[in-house]
Amino acid sequence: MTVYVANLTINQGADFSQTFTLEDRNANSAQNLTGYSVAAKISKHHASTNQTAFSATISNATGGEIKLILTDVQTAALAPGRQVYDILLTAPDGTKERVVEGMALIRDGVT
């Protein structure tokens, strides 16, 4: 599988959700994620031990869709500025693979 790079913008203190669709380039269709599990985290930098876990689910297995969610409480606790995140997919046989990574711009708000 290819590692996709996608940058996010997250508003501090607001609910956040993002859906990703993974493609099987060999079959020219959506990647079938039946039996897979997913995890995703965000942190200030790659070596940081202070990480926030997204609620990560496979929202449509046969359509290759992964959904990430952060609550308003979680986004309020994120430091404004640039952070990094990634999504780790675990295959039914236990093989783990990073499938999406990128930067996340945390925008602070007034309200």
PDB file of N, CA and C in Angstrom:
ATOM      1  N   MET A   1       0.834  -1.175   0.000  1.00  0.00           N
ATOM      2  CA  MET A   1       0.000   0.000   0.000  1.00  0.00           C
ATOM      3  C   MET A   1       0.881   1.241   0.000  1.00  0.00           C
ATOM      4  N   THR A   2       0.426   2.267  -0.593  1.00  0.00           N
ATOM      5  CA  THR A   2       1.123   3.540  -0.660  1.00  0.00           C
ATOM      6  C   THR A   2       0.822   4.375   0.582  1.00  0.00           C
ATOM      7  N   VAL A   3       1.798   5.143   1.055  1.00  0.00           N
ATOM      8  CA  VAL A   3       1.559   6.086   2.151  1.00  0.00           C
ATOM      9  C   VAL A   3       1.108   7.403   1.523  1.00  0.00           C
ATOM     10  N   TYR A   4      -0.102   7.813   1.858  1.00  0.00           N
ATOM     11  CA  TYR A   4      -0.634   9.072   1.353  1.00  0.00           C
ATOM     12  C   TYR A   4      -0.237  10.196   2.302  1.00  0.00           C
ATOM     13  N   VAL A   5       0.001  11.380   1.761  1.00  0.00           N
ATOM     14  CA  VAL A   5       0.299  12.561   2.560  1.00  0.00           C
ATOM     15  C   VAL A   5      -0.881  13.507   2.421  1.00  0.00           C
ATOM     16  N   ALA A   6      -1.470  13.857   3.557  1.00  0.00           N
ATOM     17  CA  ALA A   6      -2.608  14.777   3.561  1.00  0.00           C
ATOM     18  C   ALA A   6      -2.471  15.702   4.759  1.00  0.00           C
ATOM     19  N   ASN A   7      -2.502  16.990   4.515  1.00  0.00           N
ATOM     20  CA  ASN A   7      -2.404  17.970   5.586  1.00  0.00           C
ATOM     21  C   ASN A   7      -3.804  18.362   6.049  1.00  0.00           C
ATOM     22  N   LEU A   8      -3.940  18.588   7.347  1.00  0.00           N
ATOM     23  CA  LEU A   8      -5.233  18.892   7.958  1.00  0.00           C
ATOM     24  C   LEU A   8      -5.220  20.268   8.601  1.00  0.00           C
ATOM     25  N   THR A   9      -6.394  20.866   8.728  1.00  0.00           N
ATOM     26  CA  THR A   9      -6.584  22.066   9.529  1.00  0.00           C
ATOM     27  C   THR A   9      -7.613  21.729  10.589  1.00  0.00           C
ATOM     28  N   ILE A  10      -7.240  21.935  11.850  1.00  0.00           N
ATOM     29  CA  ILE A  10      -8.111  21.612  12.976  1.00  0.00           C
ATOM     30  C   ILE A  10      -8.327  22.885  13.781  1.00  0.00           C
ATOM     31  N   ASN A  11      -9.583  23.244  13.996  1.00  0.00           N
ATOM     32  CA  ASN A  11      -9.914  24.433  14.778  1.00  0.00           C
ATOM     33  C   ASN A  11      -9.993  24.057  16.252  1.00  0.00           C
ATOM     34  N   GLN A  12      -9.205  24.749  17.059  1.00  0.00           N
ATOM     35  CA  GLN A  12      -9.149  24.490  18.493  1.00  0.00           C
ATOM     36  C   GLN A  12     -10.524  24.738  19.119  1.00  0.00           C
ATOM     37  N   GLY A  13     -10.986  23.814  19.969  1.00  0.00           N
ATOM     38  CA  GLY A  13     -12.261  23.978  20.662  1.00  0.00           C
ATOM     39  C   GLY A  13     -13.482  23.599  19.842  1.00  0.00           C
ATOM     40  N   ALA A  14     -13.290  23.079  18.639  1.00  0.00           N
ATOM     41  CA  ALA A  14     -14.408  22.658  17.782  1.00  0.00           C
ATOM     42  C   ALA A  14     -14.293  21.163  17.493  1.00  0.00           C
ATOM     43  N   ASP A  15     -15.428  20.527  17.246  1.00  0.00           N
ATOM     44  CA  ASP A  15     -15.404  19.124  16.842  1.00  0.00           C
ATOM     45  C   ASP A  15     -14.715  19.010  15.488  1.00  0.00           C
ATOM     46  N   PHE A  16     -13.993  17.918  15.282  1.00  0.00           N
ATOM     47  CA  PHE A  16     -13.264  17.685  14.031  1.00  0.00           C
ATOM     48  C   PHE A  16     -13.557  16.283  13.528  1.00  0.00           C
ATOM     49  N   SER A  17     -13.764  16.160  12.229  1.00  0.00           N
ATOM     50  CA  SER A  17     -13.844  14.840  11.602  1.00  0.00           C
ATOM     51  C   SER A  17     -13.311  14.941  10.181  1.00  0.00           C
ATOM     52  N   GLN A  18     -12.699  13.858   9.751  1.00  0.00           N
ATOM     53  CA  GLN A  18     -12.131  13.781   8.401  1.00  0.00           C
ATOM     54  C   GLN A  18     -12.243  12.335   7.931  1.00  0.00           C
ATOM     55  N   THR A  19     -12.691  12.149   6.696  1.00  0.00           N
ATOM     56  CA  THR A  19     -12.785  10.818   6.109  1.00  0.00           C
ATOM     57  C   THR A  19     -11.754  10.693   4.997  1.00  0.00           C
ATOM     58  N   PHE A  20     -11.049   9.576   4.997  1.00  0.00           N
ATOM     59  CA  PHE A  20     -10.060   9.267   3.967  1.00  0.00           C
ATOM     60  C   PHE A  20     -10.532   8.033   3.208  1.00  0.00           C
ATOM     61  N   THR A  21     -10.328   8.020   1.900  1.00  0.00           N
ATOM     62  CA  THR A  21     -10.644   6.853   1.088  1.00  0.00           C
ATOM     63  C   THR A  21      -9.341   6.300   0.530  1.00  0.00           C
ATOM     64  N   LEU A  22      -9.024   5.063   0.908  1.00  0.00           N
ATOM     65  CA  LEU A  22      -7.800   4.416   0.431  1.00  0.00           C
ATOM     66  C   LEU A  22      -8.086   3.692  -0.874  1.00  0.00           C
ATOM     67  N   GLU A  23      -7.151   3.793  -1.804  1.00  0.00           N
ATOM     68  CA  GLU A  23      -7.315   3.161  -3.102  1.00  0.00           C
ATOM     69  C   GLU A  23      -6.343   2.014  -3.283  1.00  0.00           C
ATOM     70  N   ASP A  24      -6.798   0.979  -3.965  1.00  0.00           N
ATOM     71  CA  ASP A  24      -5.948  -0.125  -4.395  1.00  0.00           C
ATOM     72  C   ASP A  24      -5.514   0.220  -5.812  1.00  0.00           C
ATOM     73  N   ARG A  25      -4.314   0.725  -5.956  1.00  0.00           N
ATOM     74  CA  ARG A  25      -3.840   1.189  -7.273  1.00  0.00           C
ATOM     75  C   ARG A  25      -3.734   0.066  -8.291  1.00  0.00           C
ATOM     76  N   ASN A  26      -3.466  -1.162  -7.822  1.00  0.00           N
ATOM     77  CA  ASN A  26      -3.372  -2.297  -8.752  1.00  0.00           C
ATOM     78  C   ASN A  26      -4.727  -2.631  -9.356  1.00  0.00           C
ATOM     79  N   ALA A  27      -5.786  -2.529  -8.562  1.00  0.00           N
ATOM     80  CA  ALA A  27      -7.127  -2.863  -9.048  1.00  0.00           C
ATOM     81  C   ALA A  27      -7.878  -1.631  -9.531  1.00  0.00           C
ATOM     82  N   ASN A  28      -7.299  -0.439  -9.334  1.00  0.00           N
ATOM     83  CA  ASN A  28      -7.931   0.816  -9.735  1.00  0.00           C
ATOM     84  C   ASN A  28      -9.320   0.959  -9.103  1.00  0.00           C
ATOM     85  N   SER A  29      -9.397   0.639  -7.806  1.00  0.00           N
ATOM     86  CA  SER A  29     -10.655   0.741  -7.068  1.00  0.00           C
ATOM     87  C   SER A  29     -10.342   1.002  -5.603  1.00  0.00           C
ATOM     88  N   ALA A  30     -11.389   1.108  -4.793  1.00  0.00           N
ATOM     89  CA  ALA A  30     -11.201   1.326  -3.357  1.00  0.00           C
ATOM     90  C   ALA A  30     -10.544   0.103  -2.727  1.00  0.00           C
ATOM     91  N   GLN A  31      -9.678   0.350  -1.758  1.00  0.00           N
ATOM     92  CA  GLN A  31      -9.031  -0.735  -1.013  1.00  0.00           C
ATOM     93  C   GLN A  31     -10.068  -1.401  -0.116  1.00  0.00           C
ATOM     94  N   ASN A  32     -10.171  -2.718  -0.156  1.00  0.00           N
ATOM     95  CA  ASN A  32     -11.100  -3.427   0.703  1.00  0.00           C
ATOM     96  C   ASN A  32     -10.463  -3.578   2.088  1.00  0.00           C
ATOM     97  N   LEU A  33     -11.072  -2.976   3.101  1.00  0.00           N
ATOM     98  CA  LEU A  33     -10.528  -2.967   4.455  1.00  0.00           C
ATOM     99  C   LEU A  33     -11.266  -3.925   5.386  1.00  0.00           C
ATOM    100  N   THR A  34     -11.972  -4.884   4.840  1.00  0.00           N
ATOM    101  CA  THR A  34     -12.681  -5.867   5.653  1.00  0.00           C
ATOM    102  C   THR A  34     -11.687  -6.636   6.519  1.00  0.00           C
ATOM    103  N   GLY A  35     -11.950  -6.672   7.825  1.00  0.00           N
ATOM    104  CA  GLY A  35     -11.086  -7.379   8.757  1.00  0.00           C
ATOM    105  C   GLY A  35      -9.923  -6.560   9.288  1.00  0.00           C
ATOM    106  N   TYR A  36      -9.724  -5.351   8.780  1.00  0.00           N
ATOM    107  CA  TYR A  36      -8.635  -4.477   9.223  1.00  0.00           C
ATOM    108  C   TYR A  36      -9.079  -3.683  10.447  1.00  0.00           C
ATOM    109  N   SER A  37      -8.113  -3.177  11.202  1.00  0.00           N
ATOM    110  CA  SER A  37      -8.380  -2.213  12.268  1.00  0.00           C
ATOM    111  C   SER A  37      -7.493  -1.001  12.028  1.00  0.00           C
ATOM    112  N   VAL A  38      -7.834   0.104  12.672  1.00  0.00           N
ATOM    113  CA  VAL A  38      -7.132   1.357  12.411  1.00  0.00           C
ATOM    114  C   VAL A  38      -6.883   2.113  13.711  1.00  0.00           C
ATOM    115  N   ALA A  39      -5.760   2.841  13.752  1.00  0.00           N
ATOM    116  CA  ALA A  39      -5.426   3.715  14.875  1.00  0.00           C
ATOM    117  C   ALA A  39      -4.781   4.973  14.302  1.00  0.00           C
ATOM    118  N   ALA A  40      -4.952   6.095  15.000  1.00  0.00           N
ATOM    119  CA  ALA A  40      -4.351   7.350  14.541  1.00  0.00           C
ATOM    120  C   ALA A  40      -4.056   8.233  15.743  1.00  0.00           C
ATOM    121  N   LYS A  41      -2.934   8.952  15.657  1.00  0.00           N
ATOM    122  CA  LYS A  41      -2.531   9.862  16.731  1.00  0.00           C
ATOM    123  C   LYS A  41      -1.991  11.155  16.149  1.00  0.00           C
ATOM    124  N   ILE A  42      -2.027  12.193  16.984  1.00  0.00           N
ATOM    125  CA  ILE A  42      -1.479  13.496  16.625  1.00  0.00           C
ATOM    126  C   ILE A  42      -0.572  13.944  17.766  1.00  0.00           C
ATOM    127  N   SER A  43       0.543  14.595  17.419  1.00  0.00           N
ATOM    128  CA  SER A  43       1.458  15.111  18.435  1.00  0.00           C
ATOM    129  C   SER A  43       2.246  16.286  17.875  1.00  0.00           C
ATOM    130  N   LYS A  44       2.910  16.990  18.757  1.00  0.00           N
ATOM    131  CA  LYS A  44       3.667  18.180  18.355  1.00  0.00           C
ATOM    132  C   LYS A  44       4.812  17.829  17.401  1.00  0.00           C
ATOM    133  N   HIS A  45       5.464  16.685  17.651  1.00  0.00           N
ATOM    134  CA  HIS A  45       6.516  16.214  16.741  1.00  0.00           C
ATOM    135  C   HIS A  45       6.604  14.702  16.870  1.00  0.00           C
ATOM    136  N   HIS A  46       7.326  14.076  15.963  1.00  0.00           N
ATOM    137  CA  HIS A  46       7.372  12.617  15.892  1.00  0.00           C
ATOM    138  C   HIS A  46       7.863  11.941  17.173  1.00  0.00           C
ATOM    139  N   ALA A  47       8.775  12.557  17.883  1.00  0.00           N
ATOM    140  CA  ALA A  47       9.354  11.942  19.081  1.00  0.00           C
ATOM    141  C   ALA A  47       8.597  12.303  20.360  1.00  0.00           C
ATOM    142  N   SER A  48       7.555  13.083  20.262  1.00  0.00           N
ATOM    143  CA  SER A  48       6.816  13.523  21.439  1.00  0.00           C
ATOM    144  C   SER A  48       6.114  12.351  22.125  1.00  0.00           C
ATOM    145  N   THR A  49       6.163  12.359  23.450  1.00  0.00           N
ATOM    146  CA  THR A  49       5.444  11.342  24.214  1.00  0.00           C
ATOM    147  C   THR A  49       4.047  11.829  24.592  1.00  0.00           C
ATOM    148  N   ASN A  50       3.758  13.099  24.372  1.00  0.00           N
ATOM    149  CA  ASN A  50       2.440  13.671  24.624  1.00  0.00           C
ATOM    150  C   ASN A  50       1.639  13.590  23.327  1.00  0.00           C
ATOM    151  N   GLN A  51       0.830  12.559  23.190  1.00  0.00           N
ATOM    152  CA  GLN A  51       0.070  12.328  21.967  1.00  0.00           C
ATOM    153  C   GLN A  51      -1.424  12.296  22.278  1.00  0.00           C
ATOM    154  N   THR A  52      -2.218  12.668  21.290  1.00  0.00           N
ATOM    155  CA  THR A  52      -3.670  12.579  21.391  1.00  0.00           C
ATOM    156  C   THR A  52      -4.145  11.571  20.363  1.00  0.00           C
ATOM    157  N   ALA A  53      -4.940  10.608  20.814  1.00  0.00           N
ATOM    158  CA  ALA A  53      -5.463   9.594  19.902  1.00  0.00           C
ATOM    159  C   ALA A  53      -6.770  10.070  19.287  1.00  0.00           C
ATOM    160  N   PHE A  54      -6.866   9.961  17.981  1.00  0.00           N
ATOM    161  CA  PHE A  54      -8.128  10.190  17.295  1.00  0.00           C
ATOM    162  C   PHE A  54      -9.049   9.006  17.599  1.00  0.00           C
ATOM    163  N   SER A  55     -10.343   9.231  17.539  1.00  0.00           N
ATOM    164  CA  SER A  55     -11.280   8.114  17.446  1.00  0.00           C
ATOM    165  C   SER A  55     -11.221   7.723  15.964  1.00  0.00           C
ATOM    166  N   ALA A  56     -10.610   6.583  15.679  1.00  0.00           N
ATOM    167  CA  ALA A  56     -10.382   6.166  14.293  1.00  0.00           C
ATOM    168  C   ALA A  56     -11.184   4.903  14.018  1.00  0.00           C
ATOM    169  N   THR A  57     -11.986   4.953  12.954  1.00  0.00           N
ATOM    170  CA  THR A  57     -12.806   3.799  12.599  1.00  0.00           C
ATOM    171  C   THR A  57     -12.740   3.553  11.097  1.00  0.00           C
ATOM    172  N   ILE A  58     -13.027   2.324  10.723  1.00  0.00           N
ATOM    173  CA  ILE A  58     -13.223   2.010   9.310  1.00  0.00           C
ATOM    174  C   ILE A  58     -14.711   2.186   9.081  1.00  0.00           C
ATOM    175  N   SER A  59     -15.070   3.280   8.434  1.00  0.00           N
ATOM    176  CA  SER A  59     -16.477   3.654   8.295  1.00  0.00           C
ATOM    177  C   SER A  59     -17.168   2.942   7.136  1.00  0.00           C
ATOM    178  N   ASN A  60     -16.403   2.471   6.155  1.00  0.00           N
ATOM    179  CA  ASN A  60     -16.955   1.724   5.018  1.00  0.00           C
ATOM    180  C   ASN A  60     -15.849   0.788   4.534  1.00  0.00           C
ATOM    181  N   ALA A  61     -15.863  -0.449   5.001  1.00  0.00           N
ATOM    182  CA  ALA A  61     -14.763  -1.378   4.718  1.00  0.00           C
ATOM    183  C   ALA A  61     -14.594  -1.648   3.229  1.00  0.00           C
ATOM    184  N   THR A  62     -15.663  -1.956   2.522  1.00  0.00           N
ATOM    185  CA  THR A  62     -15.532  -2.282   1.098  1.00  0.00           C
ATOM    186  C   THR A  62     -15.271  -1.038   0.256  1.00  0.00           C
ATOM    187  N   GLY A  63     -15.584   0.135   0.799  1.00  0.00           N
ATOM    188  CA  GLY A  63     -15.323   1.388   0.094  1.00  0.00           C
ATOM    189  C   GLY A  63     -13.996   2.013   0.465  1.00  0.00           C
ATOM    190  N   GLY A  64     -13.215   1.352   1.361  1.00  0.00           N
ATOM    191  CA  GLY A  64     -11.892   1.835   1.721  1.00  0.00           C
ATOM    192  C   GLY A  64     -11.880   3.086   2.569  1.00  0.00           C
ATOM    193  N   GLU A  65     -12.963   3.354   3.307  1.00  0.00           N
ATOM    194  CA  GLU A  65     -13.068   4.609   4.052  1.00  0.00           C
ATOM    195  C   GLU A  65     -12.661   4.483   5.517  1.00  0.00           C
ATOM    196  N   ILE A  66     -11.820   5.415   5.935  1.00  0.00           N
ATOM    197  CA  ILE A  66     -11.377   5.544   7.321  1.00  0.00           C
ATOM    198  C   ILE A  66     -11.839   6.913   7.809  1.00  0.00           C
ATOM    199  N   LYS A  67     -12.397   6.957   9.011  1.00  0.00           N
ATOM    200  CA  LYS A  67     -12.864   8.226   9.571  1.00  0.00           C
ATOM    201  C   LYS A  67     -12.121   8.526  10.862  1.00  0.00           C
ATOM    202  N   LEU A  68     -11.625   9.759  10.978  1.00  0.00           N
ATOM    203  CA  LEU A  68     -10.965  10.248  12.185  1.00  0.00           C
ATOM    204  C   LEU A  68     -11.852  11.290  12.843  1.00  0.00           C
ATOM    205  N   ILE A  69     -11.936  11.233  14.179  1.00  0.00           N
ATOM    206  CA  ILE A  69     -12.753  12.187  14.926  1.00  0.00           C
ATOM    207  C   ILE A  69     -11.982  12.662  16.155  1.00  0.00           C
ATOM    208  N   LEU A  70     -12.067  13.956  16.433  1.00  0.00           N
ATOM    209  CA  LEU A  70     -11.626  14.554  17.693  1.00  0.00           C
ATOM    210  C   LEU A  70     -12.802  15.353  18.243  1.00  0.00           C
ATOM    211  N   THR A  71     -13.029  15.278  19.548  1.00  0.00           N
ATOM    212  CA  THR A  71     -14.093  16.070  20.164  1.00  0.00           C
ATOM    213  C   THR A  71     -13.607  17.501  20.388  1.00  0.00           C
ATOM    214  N   ASP A  72     -14.542  18.374  20.710  1.00  0.00           N
ATOM    215  CA  ASP A  72     -14.184  19.767  21.007  1.00  0.00           C
ATOM    216  C   ASP A  72     -13.253  19.847  22.213  1.00  0.00           C
ATOM    217  N   VAL A  73     -13.421  18.962  23.185  1.00  0.00           N
ATOM    218  CA  VAL A  73     -12.549  18.937  24.366  1.00  0.00           C
ATOM    219  C   VAL A  73     -11.122  18.537  23.950  1.00  0.00           C
ATOM    220  N   GLN A  74     -11.011  17.546  23.070  1.00  0.00           N
ATOM    221  CA  GLN A  74      -9.686  17.126  22.606  1.00  0.00           C
ATOM    222  C   GLN A  74      -9.000  18.223  21.804  1.00  0.00           C
ATOM    223  N   THR A  75      -9.724  18.886  20.912  1.00  0.00           N
ATOM    224  CA  THR A  75      -9.091  19.927  20.090  1.00  0.00           C
ATOM    225  C   THR A  75      -8.719  21.145  20.934  1.00  0.00           C
ATOM    226  N   ALA A  76      -9.490  21.420  21.988  1.00  0.00           N
ATOM    227  CA  ALA A  76      -9.170  22.545  22.875  1.00  0.00           C
ATOM    228  C   ALA A  76      -7.847  22.307  23.598  1.00  0.00           C
ATOM    229  N   ALA A  77      -7.516  21.042  23.840  1.00  0.00           N
ATOM    230  CA  ALA A  77      -6.287  20.711  24.560  1.00  0.00           C
ATOM    231  C   ALA A  77      -5.056  20.686  23.649  1.00  0.00           C
ATOM    232  N   LEU A  78      -5.242  20.745  22.328  1.00  0.00           N
ATOM    233  CA  LEU A  78      -4.109  20.747  21.401  1.00  0.00           C
ATOM    234  C   LEU A  78      -3.450  22.119  21.375  1.00  0.00           C
ATOM    235  N   ALA A  79      -2.142  22.141  21.352  1.00  0.00           N
ATOM    236  CA  ALA A  79      -1.403  23.402  21.273  1.00  0.00           C
ATOM    237  C   ALA A  79      -1.550  23.992  19.873  1.00  0.00           C
ATOM    238  N   PRO A  80      -1.787  25.307  19.767  1.00  0.00           N
ATOM    239  CA  PRO A  80      -1.889  25.920  18.447  1.00  0.00           C
ATOM    240  C   PRO A  80      -0.571  25.803  17.678  1.00  0.00           C
ATOM    241  N   GLY A  81      -0.674  25.770  16.380  1.00  0.00           N
ATOM    242  CA  GLY A  81       0.511  25.671  15.529  1.00  0.00           C
ATOM    243  C   GLY A  81       0.534  24.365  14.768  1.00  0.00           C
ATOM    244  N   ARG A  82       1.701  24.022  14.252  1.00  0.00           N
ATOM    245  CA  ARG A  82       1.844  22.806  13.447  1.00  0.00           C
ATOM    246  C   ARG A  82       2.098  21.583  14.322  1.00  0.00           C
ATOM    247  N   GLN A  83       1.422  20.513  13.957  1.00  0.00           N
ATOM    248  CA  GLN A  83       1.637  19.229  14.608  1.00  0.00           C
ATOM    249  C   GLN A  83       1.715  18.167  13.507  1.00  0.00           C
ATOM    250  N   VAL A  84       2.029  16.947  13.889  1.00  0.00           N
ATOM    251  CA  VAL A  84       2.093  15.845  12.921  1.00  0.00           C
ATOM    252  C   VAL A  84       1.097  14.763  13.348  1.00  0.00           C
ATOM    253  N   TYR A  85       0.635  13.990  12.371  1.00  0.00           N
ATOM    254  CA  TYR A  85      -0.279  12.892  12.660  1.00  0.00           C
ATOM    255  C   TYR A  85      -0.002  11.764  11.676  1.00  0.00           C
ATOM    256  N   ASP A  86      -0.488  10.587  12.020  1.00  0.00           N
ATOM    257  CA  ASP A  86      -0.460   9.488  11.060  1.00  0.00           C
ATOM    258  C   ASP A  86      -1.563   8.495  11.384  1.00  0.00           C
ATOM    259  N   ILE A  87      -1.830   7.635  10.404  1.00  0.00           N
ATOM    260  CA  ILE A  87      -2.850   6.599  10.524  1.00  0.00           C
ATOM    261  C   ILE A  87      -2.167   5.259  10.292  1.00  0.00           C
ATOM    262  N   LEU A  88      -2.359   4.345  11.240  1.00  0.00           N
ATOM    263  CA  LEU A  88      -1.760   3.019  11.169  1.00  0.00           C
ATOM    264  C   LEU A  88      -2.866   1.991  10.959  1.00  0.00           C
ATOM    265  N   LEU A  89      -2.711   1.198   9.928  1.00  0.00           N
ATOM    266  CA  LEU A  89      -3.687   0.172   9.575  1.00  0.00           C
ATOM    267  C   LEU A  89      -3.123  -1.188   9.961  1.00  0.00           C
ATOM    268  N   THR A  90      -3.941  -2.028  10.611  1.00  0.00           N
ATOM    269  CA  THR A  90      -3.522  -3.374  10.977  1.00  0.00           C
ATOM    270  C   THR A  90      -4.341  -4.373  10.172  1.00  0.00           C
ATOM    271  N   ALA A  91      -3.647  -5.199   9.392  1.00  0.00           N
ATOM    272  CA  ALA A  91      -4.287  -6.209   8.545  1.00  0.00           C
ATOM    273  C   ALA A  91      -4.774  -7.375   9.399  1.00  0.00           C
ATOM    274  N   PRO A  92      -5.677  -8.198   8.861  1.00  0.00           N
ATOM    275  CA  PRO A  92      -6.167  -9.356   9.605  1.00  0.00           C
ATOM    276  C   PRO A  92      -5.051 -10.295  10.083  1.00  0.00           C
ATOM    277  N   ASP A  93      -3.928 -10.350   9.370  1.00  0.00           N
ATOM    278  CA  ASP A  93      -2.812 -11.220   9.768  1.00  0.00           C
ATOM    279  C   ASP A  93      -1.880 -10.558  10.786  1.00  0.00           C
ATOM    280  N   GLY A  94      -2.214  -9.320  11.221  1.00  0.00           N
ATOM    281  CA  GLY A  94      -1.419  -8.617  12.221  1.00  0.00           C
ATOM    282  C   GLY A  94      -0.376  -7.666  11.652  1.00  0.00           C
ATOM    283  N   THR A  95      -0.196  -7.669  10.339  1.00  0.00           N
ATOM    284  CA  THR A  95       0.758  -6.770   9.700  1.00  0.00           C
ATOM    285  C   THR A  95       0.291  -5.323   9.860  1.00  0.00           C
ATOM    286  N   LYS A  96       1.213  -4.449  10.289  1.00  0.00           N
ATOM    287  CA  LYS A  96       0.881  -3.032  10.484  1.00  0.00           C
ATOM    288  C   LYS A  96       1.559  -2.192   9.411  1.00  0.00           C
ATOM    289  N   GLU A  97       0.828  -1.188   8.957  1.00  0.00           N
ATOM    290  CA  GLU A  97       1.353  -0.319   7.903  1.00  0.00           C
ATOM    291  C   GLU A  97       0.801   1.093   8.074  1.00  0.00           C
ATOM    292  N   ARG A  98       1.692   2.066   7.966  1.00  0.00           N
ATOM    293  CA  ARG A  98       1.263   3.466   7.980  1.00  0.00           C
ATOM    294  C   ARG A  98       0.688   3.770   6.603  1.00  0.00           C
ATOM    295  N   VAL A  99      -0.550   4.282   6.561  1.00  0.00           N
ATOM    296  CA  VAL A  99      -1.201   4.517   5.276  1.00  0.00           C
ATOM    297  C   VAL A  99      -1.423   5.989   4.964  1.00  0.00           C
ATOM    298  N   VAL A 100      -1.498   6.830   5.991  1.00  0.00           N
ATOM    299  CA  VAL A 100      -1.658   8.280   5.791  1.00  0.00           C
ATOM    300  C   VAL A 100      -0.809   8.982   6.839  1.00  0.00           C
ATOM    301  N   GLU A 101      -0.177  10.075   6.429  1.00  0.00           N
ATOM    302  CA  GLU A 101       0.581  10.904   7.362  1.00  0.00           C
ATOM    303  C   GLU A 101       0.539  12.337   6.857  1.00  0.00           C
ATOM    304  N   GLY A 102       0.869  13.259   7.754  1.00  0.00           N
ATOM    305  CA  GLY A 102       0.904  14.647   7.323  1.00  0.00           C
ATOM    306  C   GLY A 102       1.025  15.613   8.484  1.00  0.00           C
ATOM    307  N   MET A 103       0.909  16.862   8.139  1.00  0.00           N
ATOM    308  CA  MET A 103       0.939  17.951   9.113  1.00  0.00           C
ATOM    309  C   MET A 103      -0.501  18.337   9.449  1.00  0.00           C
ATOM    310  N   ALA A 104      -0.693  18.813  10.664  1.00  0.00           N
ATOM    311  CA  ALA A 104      -1.988  19.338  11.077  1.00  0.00           C
ATOM    312  C   ALA A 104      -1.756  20.746  11.620  1.00  0.00           C
ATOM    313  N   LEU A 105      -2.445  21.699  11.064  1.00  0.00           N
ATOM    314  CA  LEU A 105      -2.381  23.081  11.549  1.00  0.00           C
ATOM    315  C   LEU A 105      -3.506  23.242  12.564  1.00  0.00           C
ATOM    316  N   ILE A 106      -3.129  23.502  13.808  1.00  0.00           N
ATOM    317  CA  ILE A 106      -4.108  23.738  14.867  1.00  0.00           C
ATOM    318  C   ILE A 106      -4.312  25.240  14.969  1.00  0.00           C
ATOM    319  N   ARG A 107      -5.526  25.666  14.647  1.00  0.00           N
ATOM    320  CA  ARG A 107      -5.856  27.101  14.659  1.00  0.00           C
ATOM    321  C   ARG A 107      -6.561  27.443  15.951  1.00  0.00           C
ATOM    322  N   ASP A 108      -5.986  28.401  16.708  1.00  0.00           N
ATOM    323  CA  ASP A 108      -6.645  28.805  17.939  1.00  0.00           C
ATOM    324  C   ASP A 108      -7.777  29.760  17.624  1.00  0.00           C
ATOM    325  N   GLY A 109      -8.767  29.778  18.491  1.00  0.00           N
ATOM    326  CA  GLY A 109      -9.943  30.621  18.271  1.00  0.00           C
ATOM    327  C   GLY A 109     -10.161  31.606  19.400  1.00  0.00           C
ATOM    328  N   VAL A 110     -11.150  32.409  19.245  1.00  0.00           N
ATOM    329  CA  VAL A 110     -11.494  33.405  20.249  1.00  0.00           C
ATOM    330  C   VAL A 110     -12.617  32.885  21.134  1.00  0.00           C
ATOM    331  N   THR A 111     -13.571  32.177  20.543  1.00  0.00           N
ATOM    332  CA  THR A 111     -14.748  31.706  21.289  1.00  0.00           C
ATOM    333  C   THR A 111     -14.550  30.295  21.752  1.00  0.00           C
TER     334      THR A 111
END
